Protein backbone atom coordinates (compact mmCIF):
# COMPACT_ATOMS: atom_id res chain seq x y z
CA MET A 1 109.86 115.55 81.77
CA THR A 2 110.78 119.22 82.13
CA LEU A 3 109.78 121.82 84.69
CA GLU A 4 108.67 124.12 81.86
CA ASP A 5 105.77 121.84 80.91
CA THR A 6 102.35 122.51 82.38
CA ILE A 7 101.09 119.20 83.71
CA ALA A 8 97.58 117.99 84.51
CA ALA A 9 96.07 114.99 86.27
CA ILE A 10 93.02 113.73 88.11
CA ALA A 11 94.02 113.95 91.79
CA THR A 12 91.19 111.89 93.29
CA PRO A 13 90.64 108.13 92.98
CA VAL A 14 88.91 106.82 89.88
CA GLY A 15 85.26 106.03 90.57
CA GLU A 16 81.98 107.68 91.48
CA GLY A 17 81.79 110.19 94.31
CA ALA A 18 80.39 113.54 95.33
CA ILE A 19 83.30 115.48 93.85
CA ALA A 20 86.54 114.91 91.98
CA VAL A 21 89.59 117.17 91.77
CA LEU A 22 91.86 117.85 88.81
CA ARG A 23 95.16 119.70 89.14
CA LEU A 24 97.36 121.71 86.78
CA SER A 25 100.82 122.99 87.55
CA GLY A 26 103.01 125.21 85.39
CA SER A 27 103.33 128.68 83.91
CA GLU A 28 100.51 128.09 81.38
CA ALA A 29 97.98 126.85 83.93
CA LYS A 30 95.80 129.99 83.76
CA ALA A 31 95.89 130.18 79.97
CA ILE A 32 94.92 126.52 79.59
CA VAL A 33 92.02 126.78 82.03
CA SER A 34 90.86 129.99 80.34
CA SER A 35 90.29 128.05 77.13
CA ILE A 36 87.70 125.73 78.73
CA PHE A 37 86.28 127.71 81.69
CA ARG A 38 83.33 130.11 81.43
CA ASP A 39 82.13 132.42 84.19
CA GLY A 40 81.66 136.09 84.83
CA THR A 41 85.32 136.65 85.66
CA SER A 42 88.32 136.09 83.39
CA VAL A 43 90.60 133.33 84.67
CA ALA A 44 93.52 135.70 84.10
CA GLU A 45 92.05 137.94 86.83
CA TRP A 46 91.60 135.19 89.41
CA GLU A 47 92.94 136.04 92.84
CA PRO A 48 94.94 133.40 94.73
CA ARG A 49 93.16 131.02 97.13
CA ARG A 50 89.62 132.03 96.15
CA LEU A 51 86.93 129.75 94.72
CA TYR A 52 85.38 130.67 91.37
CA LEU A 53 82.17 129.06 90.15
CA GLY A 54 81.90 128.43 86.44
CA GLU A 55 81.28 125.89 83.71
CA VAL A 56 83.59 123.75 81.62
CA TRP A 57 82.72 123.70 77.95
CA SER A 58 84.00 121.74 74.98
CA GLN A 59 83.21 122.32 71.30
CA ASP A 60 80.21 120.02 71.71
CA GLY A 61 78.73 121.90 74.64
CA LYS A 62 78.74 122.08 78.42
CA ILE A 63 80.46 119.28 80.35
CA ASP A 64 79.98 120.29 83.99
CA GLN A 65 79.58 123.08 86.52
CA VAL A 66 82.80 123.34 88.51
CA LEU A 67 84.78 125.31 91.08
CA GLY A 68 88.25 126.63 90.26
CA THR A 69 90.98 127.66 92.70
CA TYR A 70 94.24 129.40 91.81
CA PHE A 71 97.48 129.13 93.82
CA ARG A 72 100.13 131.63 92.73
CA ALA A 73 103.81 130.68 92.53
CA PRO A 74 105.79 130.23 94.70
CA HIS A 75 103.04 129.88 97.33
CA SER A 76 101.63 126.58 96.07
CA TYR A 77 102.25 122.89 96.63
CA THR A 78 104.59 122.64 93.63
CA GLY A 79 106.09 126.12 93.89
CA GLN A 80 104.58 126.91 90.46
CA ASP A 81 101.28 128.42 89.36
CA LEU A 82 98.74 125.74 90.26
CA ILE A 83 95.01 125.46 89.61
CA GLU A 84 92.61 122.92 91.08
CA ILE A 85 89.26 122.20 89.44
CA SER A 86 86.55 120.57 91.56
CA CYS A 87 83.86 118.90 89.50
CA HIS A 88 81.14 116.30 90.04
CA GLY A 89 82.74 112.97 90.91
CA GLY A 90 81.88 110.84 87.91
CA ILE A 91 84.33 108.81 85.85
CA LEU A 92 83.19 110.20 82.50
CA VAL A 93 83.04 113.87 83.50
CA THR A 94 86.53 113.87 85.05
CA ARG A 95 88.05 112.12 82.05
CA GLN A 96 86.40 114.55 79.64
CA ILE A 97 87.72 117.57 81.57
CA LEU A 98 91.20 116.06 81.69
CA ALA A 99 91.07 115.37 77.94
CA LEU A 100 90.12 119.02 77.34
CA LEU A 101 93.06 120.23 79.45
CA LEU A 102 95.45 117.99 77.54
CA ARG A 103 94.11 119.16 74.17
CA SER A 104 94.49 122.76 75.34
CA GLY A 105 98.24 122.38 75.92
CA ALA A 106 98.81 120.54 79.19
CA ARG A 107 100.81 117.33 79.45
CA ALA A 108 99.61 114.29 81.39
CA ALA A 109 101.48 114.21 84.70
CA GLU A 110 103.69 111.24 85.52
CA PRO A 111 103.30 109.42 88.87
CA GLY A 112 104.52 111.69 91.66
CA GLU A 113 105.38 114.55 89.33
CA PHE A 114 103.55 117.21 91.37
CA THR A 115 105.50 116.24 94.50
CA GLN A 116 108.71 115.93 92.50
CA ARG A 117 108.26 119.53 91.34
CA ALA A 118 107.69 120.56 94.96
CA PHE A 119 111.04 118.95 95.82
CA LEU A 120 112.90 120.40 92.85
CA ASN A 121 111.52 123.87 93.60
CA GLY A 122 112.70 123.71 97.22
CA LYS A 123 109.26 123.36 98.83
CA MET A 124 110.37 120.22 100.70
CA ASP A 125 113.40 117.96 101.06
CA LEU A 126 113.45 114.38 99.84
CA THR A 127 112.52 112.90 103.24
CA GLN A 128 109.39 115.07 103.28
CA ALA A 129 108.53 114.09 99.71
CA GLU A 130 108.75 110.42 100.65
CA ALA A 131 106.61 111.10 103.72
CA VAL A 132 103.76 112.25 101.46
CA MET A 133 103.20 108.67 100.33
CA ASP A 134 103.70 107.40 103.88
CA VAL A 135 100.77 109.62 104.94
CA ILE A 136 98.63 108.30 102.09
CA HIS A 137 99.52 104.66 102.81
CA ALA A 138 99.32 104.89 106.62
CA GLN A 139 96.99 102.19 108.00
CA THR A 140 97.16 103.07 111.70
CA GLU A 141 97.31 106.19 113.87
CA LEU A 142 100.87 105.33 114.88
CA ALA A 143 101.99 105.06 111.26
CA LEU A 144 100.23 108.32 110.41
CA ARG A 145 101.86 110.08 113.36
CA ALA A 146 105.35 108.99 112.28
CA ALA A 147 104.63 109.98 108.66
CA ASN A 148 103.40 113.42 109.70
CA GLU A 149 106.51 113.96 111.84
CA GLN A 150 108.65 113.24 108.79
CA LEU A 151 106.44 115.38 106.56
CA ALA A 152 106.87 118.24 109.03
CA GLY A 153 110.62 117.96 108.47
CA ARG A 154 111.75 116.37 111.72
CA LEU A 155 114.03 113.81 110.07
CA GLY A 156 115.37 116.39 107.62
CA SER A 157 116.09 118.79 110.49
CA GLU A 158 117.99 116.10 112.40
CA LEU A 159 120.06 115.26 109.34
CA ARG A 160 120.85 118.89 108.58
CA GLN A 161 122.19 119.26 112.12
CA LEU A 162 124.45 116.27 111.47
CA GLN A 163 125.57 117.83 108.19
CA ASP A 164 126.45 121.07 109.97
CA ALA A 165 128.49 119.19 112.58
CA LEU A 166 130.31 117.24 109.87
CA LEU A 167 131.00 120.40 107.87
CA THR A 168 132.47 122.09 110.95
CA THR A 169 134.75 119.08 111.53
CA LEU A 170 135.72 118.97 107.85
CA ALA A 171 136.58 122.67 107.91
CA HIS A 172 139.04 122.05 110.79
CA VAL A 173 140.62 119.11 108.99
CA GLU A 174 140.94 121.01 105.69
CA ALA A 175 142.61 123.88 107.53
CA TYR A 176 145.47 121.49 108.27
CA ILE A 177 145.51 120.39 104.62
CA ASP A 178 146.08 124.02 103.60
CA PHE A 179 149.13 124.11 105.86
CA PRO A 180 150.98 120.86 105.12
CA ASP A 181 153.74 121.59 107.65
CA GLU A 182 151.19 121.50 110.45
CA GLN A 183 149.80 118.36 112.04
CA ILE A 184 146.58 117.98 113.97
CA ASP A 185 147.72 118.59 117.54
CA PRO A 186 146.59 116.13 120.23
CA ASP A 187 144.15 118.50 121.95
CA THR A 188 142.44 119.39 118.67
CA GLY A 189 142.38 115.72 117.69
CA VAL A 190 140.59 114.80 120.91
CA THR A 191 138.00 117.55 120.38
CA LEU A 192 137.36 116.52 116.75
CA ASN A 193 137.14 112.87 117.74
CA GLU A 194 134.59 113.57 120.45
CA ARG A 195 132.49 115.46 117.93
CA LEU A 196 132.66 112.55 115.49
CA LYS A 197 131.74 110.07 118.20
CA ASP A 198 128.70 112.18 119.04
CA ILE A 199 127.73 112.22 115.35
CA GLY A 200 128.17 108.44 115.27
CA ARG A 201 125.89 108.00 118.29
CA ARG A 202 123.21 110.16 116.69
CA LEU A 203 123.43 108.14 113.49
CA GLN A 204 123.08 104.94 115.51
CA ARG A 205 119.91 106.27 117.14
CA LEU A 206 118.43 107.01 113.73
CA LEU A 207 119.47 103.58 112.43
CA GLY A 208 117.75 102.06 115.45
CA THR A 209 114.39 103.27 114.09
CA ALA A 210 114.74 101.32 110.82
CA GLU A 211 112.85 98.31 112.14
CA GLN A 212 110.13 100.60 113.46
CA GLY A 213 109.86 102.21 110.04
CA ARG A 214 109.61 98.87 108.27
CA ILE A 215 106.78 97.69 110.53
CA LEU A 216 104.88 100.99 110.38
CA ARG A 217 105.12 101.10 106.58
CA HIS A 218 104.66 97.44 105.73
CA GLY A 219 103.12 95.88 108.83
CA LEU A 220 104.26 93.23 111.28
CA ARG A 221 104.50 90.09 109.16
CA THR A 222 102.61 87.54 111.28
CA VAL A 223 102.36 83.98 109.98
CA ILE A 224 99.69 81.58 111.28
CA TYR A 225 101.29 78.13 111.12
CA GLY A 226 100.44 74.58 112.07
CA GLU A 227 99.26 71.19 110.89
CA PRO A 228 95.95 70.80 109.01
CA ASN A 229 92.72 71.25 110.99
CA VAL A 230 94.28 72.93 114.04
CA GLY A 231 92.24 76.13 113.48
CA LYS A 232 94.55 78.41 111.47
CA SER A 233 91.88 79.77 109.14
CA SER A 234 89.45 80.08 112.05
CA LEU A 235 91.98 82.22 113.91
CA LEU A 236 92.47 84.44 110.86
CA ASN A 237 88.73 84.99 110.54
CA LEU A 238 88.40 85.61 114.27
CA LEU A 239 91.11 88.28 114.38
CA LEU A 240 89.87 89.98 111.21
CA GLY A 241 86.28 89.97 112.40
CA TYR A 242 84.84 88.44 109.23
CA ASP A 243 85.11 85.24 107.16
CA ARG A 244 88.20 85.82 105.01
CA ALA A 245 89.31 82.19 104.70
CA ILE A 246 87.33 79.02 104.03
CA VAL A 247 87.05 76.86 107.15
CA SER A 248 86.58 73.13 106.61
CA GLU A 249 87.31 69.90 108.44
CA ILE A 250 88.77 68.54 105.19
CA PRO A 251 92.59 68.57 105.45
CA GLY A 252 94.36 70.66 102.82
CA THR A 253 91.53 73.20 102.31
CA THR A 254 94.01 76.10 102.47
CA ARG A 255 96.45 75.52 99.60
CA ASP A 256 97.85 79.02 99.22
CA THR A 257 98.74 81.81 101.61
CA ILE A 258 95.88 84.16 102.50
CA GLU A 259 96.83 87.62 103.72
CA ASP A 260 95.04 90.57 105.29
CA THR A 261 95.93 93.45 107.61
CA ILE A 262 94.49 94.57 110.94
CA ASN A 263 95.14 97.60 113.13
CA PHE A 264 96.51 96.18 116.35
CA HIS A 265 97.01 98.84 119.07
CA GLY A 266 98.28 101.27 116.43
CA ILE A 267 100.50 98.69 114.72
CA PRO A 268 99.61 97.37 111.26
CA VAL A 269 99.71 93.56 111.57
CA ARG A 270 99.79 91.54 108.36
CA LEU A 271 98.12 88.22 109.14
CA ILE A 272 99.12 85.39 106.80
CA ASP A 273 97.21 82.11 106.87
CA THR A 274 99.26 79.25 105.46
CA ALA A 275 98.72 75.75 104.13
CA GLY A 276 98.76 73.02 106.76
CA ALA A 277 102.21 71.56 107.38
CA ARG A 278 102.17 67.89 106.42
CA GLU A 279 103.51 65.42 103.87
CA SER A 280 101.43 65.38 100.69
CA ARG A 281 101.53 63.85 97.21
CA ASP A 282 99.20 66.50 95.83
CA ARG A 283 101.34 68.83 93.66
CA VAL A 284 99.15 71.84 94.35
CA GLU A 285 99.24 71.24 98.10
CA GLN A 286 103.01 70.67 97.91
CA GLU A 287 103.39 74.14 96.37
CA GLY A 288 101.27 75.61 99.16
CA ILE A 289 103.49 73.94 101.78
CA ARG A 290 106.59 75.26 100.02
CA ARG A 291 105.15 78.77 100.20
CA THR A 292 104.45 78.20 103.88
CA ARG A 293 108.16 77.54 104.47
CA VAL A 294 109.04 80.75 102.61
CA GLU A 295 106.62 82.75 104.77
CA LEU A 296 108.10 81.26 107.95
CA GLU A 297 111.58 82.46 106.94
CA GLN A 298 110.30 86.00 106.32
CA ALA A 299 108.00 86.22 109.35
CA ASP A 300 108.42 88.77 112.13
CA LEU A 301 106.15 86.69 114.34
CA ILE A 302 104.84 83.11 114.07
CA LEU A 303 101.55 82.10 115.65
CA HIS A 304 102.14 78.33 115.92
CA MET A 305 98.79 76.61 116.44
CA VAL A 306 98.26 73.09 117.71
CA ASP A 307 95.20 71.01 118.56
CA ALA A 308 95.52 70.87 122.33
CA SER A 309 92.68 68.36 122.60
CA SER A 310 94.81 65.77 120.75
CA PRO A 311 98.10 64.11 121.77
CA GLY A 312 101.23 66.21 121.31
CA LYS A 313 103.39 65.08 118.40
CA GLU A 314 106.42 67.23 118.98
CA ASN A 315 108.09 69.36 121.61
CA ILE A 316 107.08 72.94 120.79
CA ARG A 317 107.90 75.97 122.89
CA SER A 318 107.31 79.69 122.53
CA ASP A 319 110.40 81.77 121.78
CA GLN A 320 111.26 85.31 120.70
CA LYS A 321 109.74 84.81 117.25
CA ARG A 322 107.12 82.16 117.96
CA LEU A 323 103.96 82.14 120.07
CA LEU A 324 102.48 78.71 120.78
CA ILE A 325 98.68 78.66 120.71
CA LEU A 326 97.00 75.65 122.30
CA ASN A 327 93.72 75.71 120.40
CA LYS A 328 90.49 73.74 120.96
CA VAL A 329 90.76 73.78 124.75
CA ASP A 330 86.95 73.86 124.77
CA LEU A 331 87.22 70.14 123.89
CA GLY A 332 89.50 69.53 126.87
CA LEU A 333 93.25 69.82 127.30
CA HIS A 334 95.12 66.60 126.50
CA PRO A 335 97.63 65.54 129.20
CA ASP A 336 100.50 65.90 126.69
CA TRP A 337 99.98 69.67 126.72
CA LYS A 338 99.69 70.21 130.46
CA GLY A 339 102.56 72.32 131.76
CA VAL A 340 103.49 73.45 128.24
CA ASP A 341 104.19 77.17 127.90
CA GLY A 342 101.47 78.22 125.46
CA ILE A 343 98.30 80.29 125.20
CA ARG A 344 95.17 78.33 126.05
CA PHE A 345 92.79 79.22 123.25
CA SER A 346 89.48 78.37 121.59
CA CYS A 347 88.50 79.77 118.20
CA LYS A 348 85.00 78.43 118.80
CA THR A 349 84.33 80.23 122.10
CA ASP A 350 86.85 83.11 121.73
CA PHE A 351 88.49 81.98 124.97
CA GLY A 352 92.06 83.24 125.31
CA ARG A 353 91.79 86.06 122.80
CA GLU A 354 92.70 88.75 125.31
CA ALA A 355 95.73 86.72 126.43
CA LEU A 356 96.83 86.32 122.80
CA GLU A 357 96.47 90.03 122.07
CA ASN A 358 98.44 90.91 125.19
CA LYS A 359 101.21 88.53 124.18
CA ILE A 360 101.44 90.03 120.70
CA ARG A 361 101.42 93.56 122.11
CA ASN A 362 104.13 92.74 124.63
CA ARG A 363 106.30 91.16 121.94
CA VAL A 364 106.06 94.24 119.74
CA VAL A 365 105.28 97.33 121.79
CA GLY A 366 107.10 96.29 124.93
CA GLY A 367 109.82 94.24 123.29
CA GLU A 368 112.84 95.03 121.19
CA VAL A 369 110.79 96.98 118.64
CA SER A 370 109.21 99.80 120.65
CA LEU A 371 106.81 101.91 118.60
CA GLN A 372 104.76 103.81 121.14
CA ASN A 373 107.10 106.80 121.36
CA SER A 374 108.28 106.69 117.78
CA HIS A 375 108.59 110.10 116.16
CA ILE A 376 111.20 109.26 113.52
CA ALA A 377 111.08 105.97 111.64
CA ILE A 378 113.55 105.78 108.76
CA SER A 379 112.95 103.76 105.60
CA ALA A 380 115.10 101.06 104.04
CA ARG A 381 116.64 103.64 101.68
CA HIS A 382 117.49 105.94 104.56
CA GLN A 383 118.95 103.00 106.47
CA SER A 384 121.32 102.10 103.64
CA CYS A 385 122.60 105.66 103.29
CA LEU A 386 122.93 106.33 107.02
CA HIS A 387 124.71 103.02 107.62
CA ALA A 388 127.30 104.01 105.01
CA ALA A 389 127.56 107.46 106.64
CA GLU A 390 128.11 105.88 110.05
CA GLN A 391 130.91 103.69 108.67
CA ALA A 392 132.58 106.72 107.08
CA VAL A 393 132.34 108.70 110.35
CA ASN A 394 133.84 105.81 112.33
CA LYS A 395 136.65 105.50 109.80
CA ALA A 396 137.40 109.22 110.06
CA SER A 397 137.39 108.95 113.86
CA GLU A 398 139.88 106.08 113.71
CA GLY A 399 142.01 108.10 111.30
CA ILE A 400 142.24 111.00 113.76
CA ALA A 401 143.07 108.64 116.62
CA GLN A 402 145.85 107.07 114.52
CA SER A 403 147.21 110.47 113.35
CA GLN A 404 146.52 109.71 109.70
CA LEU A 405 147.04 112.31 106.98
CA PRO A 406 144.33 115.01 107.04
CA GLU A 407 143.66 114.32 103.35
CA LEU A 408 142.54 110.76 104.15
CA ILE A 409 140.35 111.90 107.02
CA ALA A 410 138.74 114.54 104.80
CA VAL A 411 137.83 111.90 102.20
CA ASP A 412 135.88 109.93 104.81
CA LEU A 413 134.14 113.05 106.10
CA ARG A 414 133.09 114.03 102.57
CA SER A 415 131.79 110.50 102.02
CA ALA A 416 129.64 110.77 105.15
CA LEU A 417 128.30 114.12 103.98
CA ASP A 418 127.44 112.69 100.56
CA GLU A 419 125.54 109.77 102.09
CA ILE A 420 123.48 112.05 104.35
CA GLY A 421 122.96 114.35 101.38
CA ASP A 422 121.46 111.44 99.46
CA VAL A 423 118.84 111.02 102.19
CA VAL A 424 117.60 114.63 102.13
CA GLY A 425 118.13 114.95 98.37
CA LYS A 426 120.99 117.42 98.32
CA HIS A 427 122.99 115.15 96.05
CA ASP A 428 120.05 113.93 94.01
CA THR A 429 120.50 111.88 90.86
CA GLU A 430 117.97 111.35 88.09
CA ASP A 431 117.85 107.59 88.69
CA LEU A 432 117.19 108.04 92.42
CA LEU A 433 114.38 110.54 91.87
CA GLU A 434 112.81 108.40 89.15
CA LYS A 435 112.78 105.37 91.46
CA ILE A 436 111.28 107.25 94.41
CA PHE A 437 108.57 109.19 92.59
CA SER A 438 107.55 106.28 90.34
CA GLU A 439 105.98 104.73 93.45
CA PHE A 440 103.62 107.70 93.86
CA CYS A 441 100.07 107.83 92.53
CA ILE A 442 99.31 110.04 89.55
CA GLY A 443 98.11 113.48 90.62
CA LYS A 444 100.26 113.65 93.78
C-alpha cells in the first residue's frame, strides 16, 4: 500500500437499499471518474462539495444514474482528493461501478485504508482513528457518547498535555546533563518531582477508565447459570423480549452457550445462557458444561438461578460478582429459601423483573464501574501503553528523590514519552498500524 495509489471501495453495506455510496481517494480520483461519468459538466471542472447528476457508462452501455461529489485536498476525510458516487443501492450495480473504477486505474482499498490515510495525512491522531470504529460499533447511547468524545479528540488532547508536561520536565533534566558539574539542587528536585507526581495521578485517572472502555466496547459479560430446569433460557428470552433459546422441561436442552446483547440503561449487556450444571455421561452435554465453567471464569456478572419452589441443595449467597435469583416463586417459596438473600423472581409471571434490573444497574452504574459520567474510556491497547508510561514516570520520580544521575532519569522520561506517543500515533510502526486498521470495514 502506498499513499500515491488512488483507492476505491464500496462504503455502504452489501445488500439492497435505496442508495449505495462508493468512494475514491487519491490524486487520480477526478481522472478515473471522468472515464466512466457522463453529464453536461466535465469532472475536471467539478467544484468542491457540490452534487453533480450524471450517468455511469461502461463499454456495454449505461449502468446507472448517479450523483457525484468532489472533496478537494486537503479539505477531505483522507486529506487527499476524494470523490463519492451515490448510486442506486443494488448489489449488482454497485459491484459493476466498482469494477469500472478498478479497470480505470484505481486500486481496491484495504480495510480501514481511508481512515489510515486520514491519520497519515494528519487529519486525526491514532486515538481518533480508533474512535471511528467505536462509533460504528456502538450499541448504546453511552457507548456512542464516549466514542464521539474520543473522535472529537478529547483523549488525544489530554495525552498531548501530558506529553508537554513530560517534555518540560525532560528539558530541565537534560539541562543538568549538559553541565555535568552541576547536580539537581533540592528545590528544583522537589518542583520536578511534584510535576511528575501530578502526571502520574493524571495517568492513573485515565487508566481507571479502562474497565469502562472494555464494557462500553464489548458489553458487560453476564452469564446465566444454574442447574437444569431452573429457568435460565426462560430468563434469557424474557430479558431479550423474544424467544432466542429453546425452553423445555427436558433436562439438558441447552447444550451450548447462547449469547445475545441488550441495551440496559445505556450499557451493552451480553447475556450468555449456559448448559445446566450437573453430572452427565453424555459427551455433548459434558462439553457444554465445560464451556459453562469457562464462561463463569470470564464473567463480569453471574445471574445464578435456582428453583425456589424446590428444596435448597446448597448454600448460595449473592456477592460482588454473583446475583442469586430465586425463580418460580409463583409456585410457592420452599422453606429452605426463606431468609436467603436473593431476588424473588418468576419468569412465568414477570414478577421481580424490576428488582432484578435495579440490582444489575446498581452493580454496574452505581458500583465500582461507574459509566454514567464517562467521557473518556480507554481501550486495552491504550491501557497497556499508559500503564508502561505510568511505571516510567514513577521510576523517574524515584530517581529524582534518590538523587540519581540525570542521564538515568532522562531515560525513564523518554520511555514515558514514547509510550504515550504510541497511543496517539506519534511513534507509529507499520505493524501497529496494520493491526489497528485491519479491524476496520472496507470503505472506511
